[in-house]
PDB file of N, CA and C in Angstrom:
ATOM      1  N   UNK A   1     106.397 -82.753 162.230  1.00  0.00           N
ATOM      2  CA  UNK A   1     107.623 -81.641 162.990  1.00  0.00           C
ATOM      3  C   UNK A   1     107.798 -80.764 162.012  1.00  0.00           C
ATOM      4  N   UNK A   2     107.943 -79.422 162.742  1.00  0.00           N
ATOM      5  CA  UNK A   2     108.347 -78.299 162.085  1.00  0.00           C
ATOM      6  C   UNK A   2     109.871 -78.117 162.134  1.00  0.00           C
ATOM      7  N   UNK A   3     110.569 -77.496 161.059  1.00  0.00           N
ATOM      8  CA  UNK A   3     112.158 -77.203 161.352  1.00  0.00           C
ATOM      9  C   UNK A   3     112.154 -75.893 160.480  1.00  0.00           C
ATOM     10  N   UNK A   4     112.805 -74.798 161.401  1.00  0.00           N
ATOM     11  CA  UNK A   4     113.373 -73.608 160.505  1.00  0.00           C
ATOM     12  C   UNK A   4     114.942 -73.536 161.061  1.00  0.00           C
ATOM     13  N   UNK A   5     115.701 -73.410 160.057  1.00  0.00           N
ATOM     14  CA  UNK A   5     117.105 -73.335 160.265  1.00  0.00           C
ATOM     15  C   UNK A   5     117.830 -73.701 158.941  1.00  0.00           C
ATOM     16  N   UNK A   6     119.168 -73.685 158.998  1.00  0.00           N
ATOM     17  CA  UNK A   6     120.029 -73.859 157.976  1.00  0.00           C
ATOM     18  C   UNK A   6     119.894 -75.222 157.456  1.00  0.00           C
ATOM     19  N   UNK A   7     120.271 -75.413 156.121  1.00  0.00           N
ATOM     20  CA  UNK A   7     120.274 -76.474 155.486  1.00  0.00           C
ATOM     21  C   UNK A   7     120.862 -76.477 154.237  1.00  0.00           C
ATOM     22  N   UNK A   8     120.617 -77.657 153.237  1.00  0.00           N
ATOM     23  CA  UNK A   8     121.212 -77.802 151.916  1.00  0.00           C
ATOM     24  C   UNK A   8     120.166 -78.341 150.824  1.00  0.00           C
ATOM     25  N   UNK A   9     120.373 -77.577 149.728  1.00  0.00           N
ATOM     26  CA  UNK A   9     119.861 -78.123 148.621  1.00  0.00           C
ATOM     27  C   UNK A   9     120.527 -78.874 147.690  1.00  0.00           C
ATOM     28  N   UNK A  10     120.206 -80.180 147.301  1.00  0.00           N
ATOM     29  CA  UNK A  10     120.949 -80.997 146.240  1.00  0.00           C
ATOM     30  C   UNK A  10     120.204 -80.668 144.978  1.00  0.00           C
ATOM     31  N   UNK A  11     120.821 -80.205 143.875  1.00  0.00           N
ATOM     32  CA  UNK A  11     119.885 -80.152 142.611  1.00  0.00           C
ATOM     33  C   UNK A  11     120.957 -80.869 141.719  1.00  0.00           C
ATOM     34  N   UNK A  12     120.166 -81.902 141.036  1.00  0.00           N
ATOM     35  CA  UNK A  12     120.661 -82.898 139.976  1.00  0.00           C
ATOM     36  C   UNK A  12     120.271 -82.562 138.564  1.00  0.00           C
ATOM     37  N   UNK A  13     120.989 -82.398 137.774  1.00  0.00           N
ATOM     38  CA  UNK A  13     120.409 -82.115 136.202  1.00  0.00           C
ATOM     39  C   UNK A  13     120.844 -83.349 135.495  1.00  0.00           C
ATOM     40  N   UNK A  14     119.917 -84.072 134.744  1.00  0.00           N
ATOM     41  CA  UNK A  14     120.207 -85.150 134.142  1.00  0.00           C
ATOM     42  C   UNK A  14     119.015 -85.189 132.965  1.00  0.00           C
ATOM     43  N   UNK A  15     119.346 -86.319 132.227  1.00  0.00           N
ATOM     44  CA  UNK A  15     118.160 -86.626 130.917  1.00  0.00           C
ATOM     45  C   UNK A  15     117.237 -87.519 131.623  1.00  0.00           C
ATOM     46  N   UNK A  16     115.892 -87.104 131.369  1.00  0.00           N
ATOM     47  CA  UNK A  16     114.720 -87.943 131.792  1.00  0.00           C
ATOM     48  C   UNK A  16     114.844 -89.450 131.616  1.00  0.00           C
ATOM     49  N   UNK A  17     115.390 -89.863 130.304  1.00  0.00           N
ATOM     50  CA  UNK A  17     115.571 -91.130 129.728  1.00  0.00           C
ATOM     51  C   UNK A  17     116.707 -91.971 130.256  1.00  0.00           C
ATOM     52  N   UNK A  18     117.352 -91.451 131.284  1.00  0.00           N
ATOM     53  CA  UNK A  18     118.603 -92.231 131.513  1.00  0.00           C
ATOM     54  C   UNK A  18     118.388 -93.283 132.555  1.00  0.00           C
ATOM     55  N   UNK A  19     118.692 -94.529 132.202  1.00  0.00           N
ATOM     56  CA  UNK A  19     118.005 -95.779 133.064  1.00  0.00           C
ATOM     57  C   UNK A  19     119.142 -96.096 134.015  1.00  0.00           C
ATOM     58  N   UNK A  20     118.850 -96.919 135.257  1.00  0.00           N
ATOM     59  CA  UNK A  20     119.702 -97.761 136.021  1.00  0.00           C
ATOM     60  C   UNK A  20     118.720 -98.986 135.991  1.00  0.00           C
ATOM     61  N   UNK A  21     119.389-100.009 135.234  1.00  0.00           N
ATOM     62  CA  UNK A  21     118.988-101.195 135.017  1.00  0.00           C
ATOM     63  C   UNK A  21     117.639-100.814 134.231  1.00  0.00           C
ATOM     64  N   UNK A  22     116.461-101.398 134.935  1.00  0.00           N
ATOM     65  CA  UNK A  22     115.016-101.120 134.210  1.00  0.00           C
ATOM     66  C   UNK A  22     114.146-100.100 134.541  1.00  0.00           C
ATOM     67  N   UNK A  23     114.818 -99.061 135.652  1.00  0.00           N
ATOM     68  CA  UNK A  23     114.079 -97.820 135.977  1.00  0.00           C
ATOM     69  C   UNK A  23     114.897 -96.857 135.670  1.00  0.00           C
ATOM     70  N   UNK A  24     113.957 -95.849 135.475  1.00  0.00           N
ATOM     71  CA  UNK A  24     114.551 -94.405 135.147  1.00  0.00           C
ATOM     72  C   UNK A  24     115.543 -94.108 136.269  1.00  0.00           C
ATOM     73  N   UNK A  25     116.594 -93.548 135.911  1.00  0.00           N
ATOM     74  CA  UNK A  25     117.778 -93.073 137.084  1.00  0.00           C
ATOM     75  C   UNK A  25     117.045 -91.944 137.947  1.00  0.00           C
ATOM     76  N   UNK A  26     116.311 -91.067 137.631  1.00  0.00           N
ATOM     77  CA  UNK A  26     115.663 -90.126 138.469  1.00  0.00           C
ATOM     78  C   UNK A  26     114.669 -90.864 139.481  1.00  0.00           C
ATOM     79  N   UNK A  27     114.038 -91.920 139.313  1.00  0.00           N
ATOM     80  CA  UNK A  27     113.137 -92.555 139.986  1.00  0.00           C
ATOM     81  C   UNK A  27     114.181 -93.167 140.860  1.00  0.00           C
ATOM     82  N   UNK A  28     115.113 -93.888 140.566  1.00  0.00           N
ATOM     83  CA  UNK A  28     116.040 -94.591 141.380  1.00  0.00           C
ATOM     84  C   UNK A  28     116.469 -93.716 142.733  1.00  0.00           C
ATOM     85  N   UNK A  29     116.935 -92.604 142.091  1.00  0.00           N
ATOM     86  CA  UNK A  29     117.759 -91.331 143.247  1.00  0.00           C
ATOM     87  C   UNK A  29     116.428 -91.080 144.154  1.00  0.00           C
ATOM     88  N   UNK A  30     115.225 -90.694 143.565  1.00  0.00           N
ATOM     89  CA  UNK A  30     114.269 -90.317 144.603  1.00  0.00           C
ATOM     90  C   UNK A  30     113.977 -91.390 145.463  1.00  0.00           C
ATOM     91  N   UNK A  31     113.773 -92.600 145.093  1.00  0.00           N
ATOM     92  CA  UNK A  31     113.568 -93.794 145.943  1.00  0.00           C
ATOM     93  C   UNK A  31     114.623 -93.878 147.134  1.00  0.00           C
ATOM     94  N   UNK A  32     115.827 -93.635 146.813  1.00  0.00           N
ATOM     95  CA  UNK A  32     116.992 -93.718 147.577  1.00  0.00           C
ATOM     96  C   UNK A  32     117.101 -92.660 148.526  1.00  0.00           C
ATOM     97  N   UNK A  33     116.562 -91.488 148.278  1.00  0.00           N
ATOM     98  CA  UNK A  33     116.421 -90.474 149.181  1.00  0.00           C
ATOM     99  C   UNK A  33     115.514 -90.415 150.061  1.00  0.00           C
ATOM    100  N   UNK A  34     114.380 -91.249 149.675  1.00  0.00           N
ATOM    101  CA  UNK A  34     113.205 -91.474 150.647  1.00  0.00           C
ATOM    102  C   UNK A  34     113.588 -92.548 151.544  1.00  0.00           C
ATOM    103  N   UNK A  35     114.386 -93.609 151.059  1.00  0.00           N
ATOM    104  CA  UNK A  35     114.715 -94.819 151.933  1.00  0.00           C
ATOM    105  C   UNK A  35     116.054 -94.197 153.072  1.00  0.00           C
ATOM    106  N   UNK A  36     116.672 -93.179 152.639  1.00  0.00           N
ATOM    107  CA  UNK A  36     117.577 -92.470 153.462  1.00  0.00           C
ATOM    108  C   UNK A  36     117.018 -91.626 154.537  1.00  0.00           C
ATOM    109  N   UNK A  37     115.639 -91.247 154.249  1.00  0.00           N
ATOM    110  CA  UNK A  37     115.102 -90.261 155.274  1.00  0.00           C
ATOM    111  C   UNK A  37     115.216 -88.870 154.919  1.00  0.00           C
ATOM    112  N   UNK A  38     115.606 -88.568 153.547  1.00  0.00           N
ATOM    113  CA  UNK A  38     115.788 -87.161 153.335  1.00  0.00           C
ATOM    114  C   UNK A  38     114.416 -86.393 153.587  1.00  0.00           C
ATOM    115  N   UNK A  39     114.335 -85.240 154.073  1.00  0.00           N
ATOM    116  CA  UNK A  39     113.142 -84.248 154.551  1.00  0.00           C
ATOM    117  C   UNK A  39     112.372 -83.902 152.995  1.00  0.00           C
ATOM    118  N   UNK A  40     112.885 -83.857 151.668  1.00  0.00           N
ATOM    119  CA  UNK A  40     112.103 -83.696 150.614  1.00  0.00           C
ATOM    120  C   UNK A  40     112.626 -83.630 149.330  1.00  0.00           C
ATOM    121  N   UNK A  41     111.884 -83.928 148.306  1.00  0.00           N
ATOM    122  CA  UNK A  41     112.253 -84.158 147.029  1.00  0.00           C
ATOM    123  C   UNK A  41     111.200 -83.771 146.006  1.00  0.00           C
ATOM    124  N   UNK A  42     111.645 -83.083 144.829  1.00  0.00           N
ATOM    125  CA  UNK A  42     110.780 -82.747 144.069  1.00  0.00           C
ATOM    126  C   UNK A  42     111.484 -82.998 142.319  1.00  0.00           C
ATOM    127  N   UNK A  43     110.796 -83.300 141.555  1.00  0.00           N
ATOM    128  CA  UNK A  43     111.346 -83.615 140.205  1.00  0.00           C
ATOM    129  C   UNK A  43     110.848 -82.705 139.115  1.00  0.00           C
ATOM    130  N   UNK A  44     111.437 -82.010 138.366  1.00  0.00           N
ATOM    131  CA  UNK A  44     110.886 -80.915 137.581  1.00  0.00           C
ATOM    132  C   UNK A  44     111.157 -81.124 136.002  1.00  0.00           C
ATOM    133  N   UNK A  45     110.411 -81.425 135.083  1.00  0.00           N
ATOM    134  CA  UNK A  45     110.610 -81.851 133.701  1.00  0.00           C
ATOM    135  C   UNK A  45     110.831 -80.651 133.012  1.00  0.00           C
ATOM    136  N   UNK A  46     112.043 -80.478 132.381  1.00  0.00           N
ATOM    137  CA  UNK A  46     112.345 -79.243 131.728  1.00  0.00           C
ATOM    138  C   UNK A  46     111.745 -79.131 130.326  1.00  0.00           C
ATOM    139  N   UNK A  47     111.718 -77.985 129.799  1.00  0.00           N
ATOM    140  CA  UNK A  47     111.118 -77.705 128.528  1.00  0.00           C
ATOM    141  C   UNK A  47     112.273 -77.709 127.210  1.00  0.00           C
ATOM    142  N   UNK A  48     113.439 -77.052 127.569  1.00  0.00           N
ATOM    143  CA  UNK A  48     114.782 -77.050 126.978  1.00  0.00           C
ATOM    144  C   UNK A  48     116.048 -76.925 127.802  1.00  0.00           C
ATOM    145  N   UNK A  49     117.015 -77.093 127.024  1.00  0.00           N
ATOM    146  CA  UNK A  49     118.141 -77.236 127.717  1.00  0.00           C
ATOM    147  C   UNK A  49     119.386 -77.688 126.845  1.00  0.00           C
ATOM    148  N   UNK A  50     120.539 -77.541 127.534  1.00  0.00           N
ATOM    149  CA  UNK A  50     121.839 -78.179 127.080  1.00  0.00           C
ATOM    150  C   UNK A  50     122.905 -78.225 127.885  1.00  0.00           C
ATOM    151  N   UNK A  51     123.946 -79.046 127.627  1.00  0.00           N
ATOM    152  CA  UNK A  51     125.009 -79.081 128.209  1.00  0.00           C
ATOM    153  C   UNK A  51     125.236 -80.205 129.515  1.00  0.00           C
ATOM    154  N   UNK A  52     124.292 -80.825 130.068  1.00  0.00           N
ATOM    155  CA  UNK A  52     124.557 -81.763 130.967  1.00  0.00           C
ATOM    156  C   UNK A  52     124.353 -83.236 130.471  1.00  0.00           C
ATOM    157  N   UNK A  53     123.825 -83.527 129.269  1.00  0.00           N
ATOM    158  CA  UNK A  53     123.713 -84.667 128.905  1.00  0.00           C
ATOM    159  C   UNK A  53     123.709 -84.912 127.354  1.00  0.00           C
ATOM    160  N   UNK A  54     123.332 -83.647 126.425  1.00  0.00           N
ATOM    161  CA  UNK A  54     123.533 -83.926 125.120  1.00  0.00           C
ATOM    162  C   UNK A  54     123.625 -82.385 124.434  1.00  0.00           C
ATOM    163  N   UNK A  55     123.993 -82.046 123.406  1.00  0.00           N
ATOM    164  CA  UNK A  55     124.285 -80.956 122.491  1.00  0.00           C
ATOM    165  C   UNK A  55     123.022 -80.002 122.842  1.00  0.00           C
ATOM    166  N   UNK A  56     121.819 -80.529 122.826  1.00  0.00           N
ATOM    167  CA  UNK A  56     120.567 -79.815 122.784  1.00  0.00           C
ATOM    168  C   UNK A  56     119.351 -80.510 123.149  1.00  0.00           C
ATOM    169  N   UNK A  57     118.437 -80.177 123.893  1.00  0.00           N
ATOM    170  CA  UNK A  57     117.231 -80.723 124.230  1.00  0.00           C
ATOM    171  C   UNK A  57     116.042 -79.903 124.061  1.00  0.00           C
ATOM    172  N   UNK A  58     115.052 -80.676 123.847  1.00  0.00           N
ATOM    173  CA  UNK A  58     113.784 -79.727 123.623  1.00  0.00           C
ATOM    174  C   UNK A  58     112.578 -80.643 123.740  1.00  0.00           C
ATOM    175  N   UNK A  59     111.363 -80.156 124.326  1.00  0.00           N
ATOM    176  CA  UNK A  59     110.018 -80.803 124.395  1.00  0.00           C
ATOM    177  C   UNK A  59     109.131 -79.974 123.484  1.00  0.00           C
ATOM    178  N   UNK A  60     108.473 -80.566 122.685  1.00  0.00           N
ATOM    179  CA  UNK A  60     107.276 -79.988 121.707  1.00  0.00           C
ATOM    180  C   UNK A  60     106.175 -79.905 122.543  1.00  0.00           C
ATOM    181  N   UNK A  61     104.963 -79.327 122.181  1.00  0.00           N
ATOM    182  CA  UNK A  61     103.854 -79.160 122.870  1.00  0.00           C
ATOM    183  C   UNK A  61     103.384 -80.454 123.381  1.00  0.00           C
ATOM    184  N   UNK A  62     102.479 -80.660 124.500  1.00  0.00           N
ATOM    185  CA  UNK A  62     101.996 -81.640 124.753  1.00  0.00           C
ATOM    186  C   UNK A  62     102.870 -82.901 125.127  1.00  0.00           C
ATOM    187  N   UNK A  63     103.847 -82.405 125.527  1.00  0.00           N
ATOM    188  CA  UNK A  63     105.034 -83.465 126.155  1.00  0.00           C
ATOM    189  C   UNK A  63     105.520 -84.324 124.956  1.00  0.00           C
ATOM    190  N   UNK A  64     105.442 -83.902 123.560  1.00  0.00           N
ATOM    191  CA  UNK A  64     106.075 -84.758 122.522  1.00  0.00           C
ATOM    192  C   UNK A  64     107.430 -84.492 122.447  1.00  0.00           C
ATOM    193  N   UNK A  65     108.308 -85.388 122.543  1.00  0.00           N
ATOM    194  CA  UNK A  65     109.893 -85.148 122.403  1.00  0.00           C
ATOM    195  C   UNK A  65     110.374 -84.988 121.143  1.00  0.00           C
ATOM    196  N   UNK A  66     111.219 -83.845 121.154  1.00  0.00           N
ATOM    197  CA  UNK A  66     111.783 -83.467 119.952  1.00  0.00           C
ATOM    198  C   UNK A  66     113.185 -83.907 119.871  1.00  0.00           C
ATOM    199  N   UNK A  67     113.666 -84.608 120.887  1.00  0.00           N
ATOM    200  CA  UNK A  67     114.937 -85.214 120.946  1.00  0.00           C
ATOM    201  C   UNK A  67     114.872 -86.392 121.909  1.00  0.00           C
ATOM    202  N   UNK A  68     115.815 -87.295 121.646  1.00  0.00           N
ATOM    203  CA  UNK A  68     116.025 -88.512 122.693  1.00  0.00           C
ATOM    204  C   UNK A  68     116.538 -87.969 124.205  1.00  0.00           C
ATOM    205  N   UNK A  69     117.096 -86.779 124.326  1.00  0.00           N
ATOM    206  CA  UNK A  69     117.225 -86.177 125.648  1.00  0.00           C
ATOM    207  C   UNK A  69     116.271 -85.471 126.013  1.00  0.00           C
ATOM    208  N   UNK A  70     115.818 -85.494 127.123  1.00  0.00           N
ATOM    209  CA  UNK A  70     114.814 -84.525 127.776  1.00  0.00           C
ATOM    210  C   UNK A  70     115.155 -84.218 129.326  1.00  0.00           C
ATOM    211  N   UNK A  71     115.397 -82.998 129.310  1.00  0.00           N
ATOM    212  CA  UNK A  71     116.163 -82.331 130.636  1.00  0.00           C
ATOM    213  C   UNK A  71     115.023 -82.629 131.785  1.00  0.00           C
ATOM    214  N   UNK A  72     115.958 -82.842 132.775  1.00  0.00           N
ATOM    215  CA  UNK A  72     115.154 -83.084 133.881  1.00  0.00           C
ATOM    216  C   UNK A  72     115.885 -82.663 135.265  1.00  0.00           C
ATOM    217  N   UNK A  73     115.244 -81.965 136.057  1.00  0.00           N
ATOM    218  CA  UNK A  73     115.935 -81.485 137.372  1.00  0.00           C
ATOM    219  C   UNK A  73     115.395 -82.230 138.657  1.00  0.00           C
ATOM    220  N   UNK A  74     116.063 -82.960 139.480  1.00  0.00           N
ATOM    221  CA  UNK A  74     115.625 -83.556 140.692  1.00  0.00           C
ATOM    222  C   UNK A  74     116.267 -82.568 141.827  1.00  0.00           C
ATOM    223  N   UNK A  75     115.579 -82.343 142.764  1.00  0.00           N
ATOM    224  CA  UNK A  75     115.937 -81.509 143.950  1.00  0.00           C
ATOM    225  C   UNK A  75     115.452 -82.228 145.337  1.00  0.00           C
ATOM    226  N   UNK A  76     116.471 -81.832 146.211  1.00  0.00           N
ATOM    227  CA  UNK A  76     116.302 -82.601 147.523  1.00  0.00           C
ATOM    228  C   UNK A  76     116.698 -81.457 148.353  1.00  0.00           C
ATOM    229  N   UNK A  77     116.119 -81.483 149.713  1.00  0.00           N
ATOM    230  CA  UNK A  77     116.384 -80.684 150.517  1.00  0.00           C
ATOM    231  C   UNK A  77     116.319 -81.160 151.994  1.00  0.00           C
ATOM    232  N   UNK A  78     117.357 -80.982 152.875  1.00  0.00           N
ATOM    233  CA  UNK A  78     117.605 -81.564 154.170  1.00  0.00           C
ATOM    234  C   UNK A  78     118.530 -80.777 155.000  1.00  0.00           C
ATOM    235  N   UNK A  79     118.822 -81.043 156.089  1.00  0.00           N
ATOM    236  CA  UNK A  79     120.044 -80.732 156.924  1.00  0.00           C
ATOM    237  C   UNK A  79     121.411 -80.809 156.260  1.00  0.00           C
ATOM    238  N   UNK A  80     122.002 -80.318 156.350  1.00  0.00           N
ATOM    239  CA  UNK A  80     123.581 -80.402 155.791  1.00  0.00           C
ATOM    240  C   UNK A  80     124.075 -81.774 155.979  1.00  0.00           C
ATOM    241  N   UNK A  81     124.016 -82.170 156.933  1.00  0.00           N
ATOM    242  CA  UNK A  81     124.700 -83.658 157.317  1.00  0.00           C
ATOM    243  C   UNK A  81     123.823 -84.694 156.513  1.00  0.00           C
ATOM    244  N   UNK A  82     122.650 -84.714 156.404  1.00  0.00           N
ATOM    245  CA  UNK A  82     121.941 -85.672 155.585  1.00  0.00           C
ATOM    246  C   UNK A  82     122.162 -85.447 154.181  1.00  0.00           C
ATOM    247  N   UNK A  83     122.182 -84.310 153.640  1.00  0.00           N
ATOM    248  CA  UNK A  83     122.468 -84.076 152.045  1.00  0.00           C
ATOM    249  C   UNK A  83     124.101 -84.623 151.781  1.00  0.00           C
ATOM    250  N   UNK A  84     125.046 -84.601 152.848  1.00  0.00           N
ATOM    251  CA  UNK A  84     126.289 -84.766 152.720  1.00  0.00           C
ATOM    252  C   UNK A  84     126.483 -86.366 152.544  1.00  0.00           C
ATOM    253  N   UNK A  85     125.629 -87.162 153.521  1.00  0.00           N
ATOM    254  CA  UNK A  85     125.613 -88.361 153.521  1.00  0.00           C
ATOM    255  C   UNK A  85     125.161 -88.950 152.129  1.00  0.00           C
ATOM    256  N   UNK A  86     123.981 -88.361 151.559  1.00  0.00           N
ATOM    257  CA  UNK A  86     123.274 -88.842 150.323  1.00  0.00           C
ATOM    258  C   UNK A  86     124.213 -88.247 149.100  1.00  0.00           C
ATOM    259  N   UNK A  87     124.988 -87.472 149.118  1.00  0.00           N
ATOM    260  CA  UNK A  87     125.547 -87.127 147.841  1.00  0.00           C
ATOM    261  C   UNK A  87     126.563 -88.057 147.428  1.00  0.00           C
ATOM    262  N   UNK A  88     127.316 -89.004 148.180  1.00  0.00           N
ATOM    263  CA  UNK A  88     128.008 -90.053 147.312  1.00  0.00           C
ATOM    264  C   UNK A  88     127.358 -91.117 146.756  1.00  0.00           C
ATOM    265  N   UNK A  89     125.894 -91.148 147.119  1.00  0.00           N
ATOM    266  CA  UNK A  89     125.100 -92.509 146.617  1.00  0.00           C
ATOM    267  C   UNK A  89     124.758 -91.760 145.338  1.00  0.00           C
ATOM    268  N   UNK A  90     124.454 -90.622 145.207  1.00  0.00           N
ATOM    269  CA  UNK A  90     124.133 -89.798 144.046  1.00  0.00           C
ATOM    270  C   UNK A  90     125.152 -89.895 143.002  1.00  0.00           C
ATOM    271  N   UNK A  91     126.440 -89.579 143.531  1.00  0.00           N
ATOM    272  CA  UNK A  91     127.767 -89.383 142.267  1.00  0.00           C
ATOM    273  C   UNK A  91     128.045 -90.947 142.042  1.00  0.00           C
ATOM    274  N   UNK A  92     127.822 -92.014 142.900  1.00  0.00           N
ATOM    275  CA  UNK A  92     127.926 -93.364 142.289  1.00  0.00           C
ATOM    276  C   UNK A  92     127.031 -93.755 141.317  1.00  0.00           C
ATOM    277  N   UNK A  93     125.739 -93.246 141.442  1.00  0.00           N
ATOM    278  CA  UNK A  93     124.820 -93.618 140.273  1.00  0.00           C
ATOM    279  C   UNK A  93     124.795 -92.843 138.924  1.00  0.00           C
ATOM    280  N   UNK A  94     125.321 -91.737 138.972  1.00  0.00           N
ATOM    281  CA  UNK A  94     125.309 -90.618 138.042  1.00  0.00           C
ATOM    282  C   UNK A  94     126.514 -91.025 137.134  1.00  0.00           C
ATOM    283  N   UNK A  95     126.184 -91.173 135.835  1.00  0.00           N
ATOM    284  CA  UNK A  95     127.523 -91.413 134.863  1.00  0.00           C
ATOM    285  C   UNK A  95     127.482 -89.976 133.976  1.00  0.00           C
ATOM    286  N   UNK A  96     126.186 -89.407 133.762  1.00  0.00           N
ATOM    287  CA  UNK A  96     126.500 -88.151 133.039  1.00  0.00           C
ATOM    288  C   UNK A  96     125.241 -87.300 133.764  1.00  0.00           C
ATOM    289  N   UNK A  97     125.583 -85.604 133.545  1.00  0.00           N
ATOM    290  CA  UNK A  97     124.780 -84.923 134.152  1.00  0.00           C
ATOM    291  C   UNK A  97     125.465 -84.047 135.071  1.00  0.00           C
ATOM    292  N   UNK A  98     124.849 -83.059 135.879  1.00  0.00           N
ATOM    293  CA  UNK A  98     125.377 -82.051 136.594  1.00  0.00           C
ATOM    294  C   UNK A  98     124.949 -82.338 138.121  1.00  0.00           C
ATOM    295  N   UNK A  99     125.701 -81.924 139.185  1.00  0.00           N
ATOM    296  CA  UNK A  99     125.234 -81.908 140.680  1.00  0.00           C
ATOM    297  C   UNK A  99     125.332 -80.450 141.043  1.00  0.00           C
ATOM    298  N   UNK A 100     124.647 -79.746 141.771  1.00  0.00           N
ATOM    299  CA  UNK A 100     124.914 -78.533 142.460  1.00  0.00           C
ATOM    300  C   UNK A 100     124.460 -78.682 143.698  1.00  0.00           C
ATOM    301  N   UNK A 101     125.128 -78.087 145.010  1.00  0.00           N
ATOM    302  CA  UNK A 101     124.837 -78.218 146.325  1.00  0.00           C
ATOM    303  C   UNK A 101     124.960 -76.867 146.571  1.00  0.00           C
ATOM    304  N   UNK A 102     123.732 -76.279 147.249  1.00  0.00           N
ATOM    305  CA  UNK A 102     123.932 -74.722 147.949  1.00  0.00           C
ATOM    306  C   UNK A 102     123.202 -74.680 149.174  1.00  0.00           C
ATOM    307  N   UNK A 103     123.688 -73.530 149.915  1.00  0.00           N
ATOM    308  CA  UNK A 103     122.956 -73.376 151.057  1.00  0.00           C
ATOM    309  C   UNK A 103     121.508 -73.083 151.357  1.00  0.00           C
ATOM    310  N   UNK A 104     120.633 -73.307 152.086  1.00  0.00           N
ATOM    311  CA  UNK A 104     119.380 -73.024 152.252  1.00  0.00           C
ATOM    312  C   UNK A 104     118.914 -72.609 153.575  1.00  0.00           C
ATOM    313  N   UNK A 105     117.961 -71.507 153.700  1.00  0.00           N
ATOM    314  CA  UNK A 105     117.109 -71.242 154.876  1.00  0.00           C
ATOM    315  C   UNK A 105     115.787 -72.105 154.825  1.00  0.00           C
ATOM    316  N   UNK A 106     115.746 -73.051 155.494  1.00  0.00           N
ATOM    317  CA  UNK A 106     114.807 -74.042 155.575  1.00  0.00           C
ATOM    318  C   UNK A 106     113.433 -73.660 156.427  1.00  0.00           C
ATOM    319  N   UNK A 107     112.265 -73.633 155.904  1.00  0.00           N
ATOM    320  CA  UNK A 107     110.958 -73.520 156.701  1.00  0.00           C
ATOM    321  C   UNK A 107     110.204 -74.633 156.327  1.00  0.00           C
ATOM    322  N   UNK A 108     110.168 -75.692 156.905  1.00  0.00           N
ATOM    323  CA  UNK A 108     109.563 -76.977 156.538  1.00  0.00           C
ATOM    324  C   UNK A 108     108.394 -77.405 157.604  1.00  0.00           C
ATOM    325  N   UNK A 109     107.371 -77.708 157.483  1.00  0.00           N
ATOM    326  CA  UNK A 109     106.459 -78.096 158.244  1.00  0.00           C
ATOM    327  C   UNK A 109     106.491 -79.634 158.333  1.00  0.00           C
ATOM    328  N   UNK A 110     106.624 -80.351 157.844  1.00  0.00           N
ATOM    329  CA  UNK A 110     106.595 -81.976 157.830  1.00  0.00           C
ATOM    330  C   UNK A 110     108.072 -82.511 157.747  1.00  0.00           C
ATOM    331  N   UNK A 111     109.064 -81.882 158.372  1.00  0.00           N
ATOM    332  CA  UNK A 111     110.438 -82.215 158.460  1.00  0.00           C
ATOM    333  C   UNK A 111     110.696 -83.533 159.247  1.00  0.00           C
TER     334      UNK A 111
END
């Protein structure tokens, strides 16, 4: 189904190695988003960063970790009501990190 219209993007900044029980937290959050029927998700592994989980994070060549903190962004897109329903789930799971929500003009083919 195609959707064009207003929506929201939920962007989460966190440490790749943060766990929720035995799983990586970002994997848990993506699975919950899928289970709740959100339209889309994407995870981006960062090269370098600071401020959301540690004083400084960096990845060396070929993915070799230079610190125990590896920056990561998980992004979710959907209609406003679905992002608003998902946001409390994310807030409950995250102990450290950053959450940003912003408006988006959506043009999605498999909505």
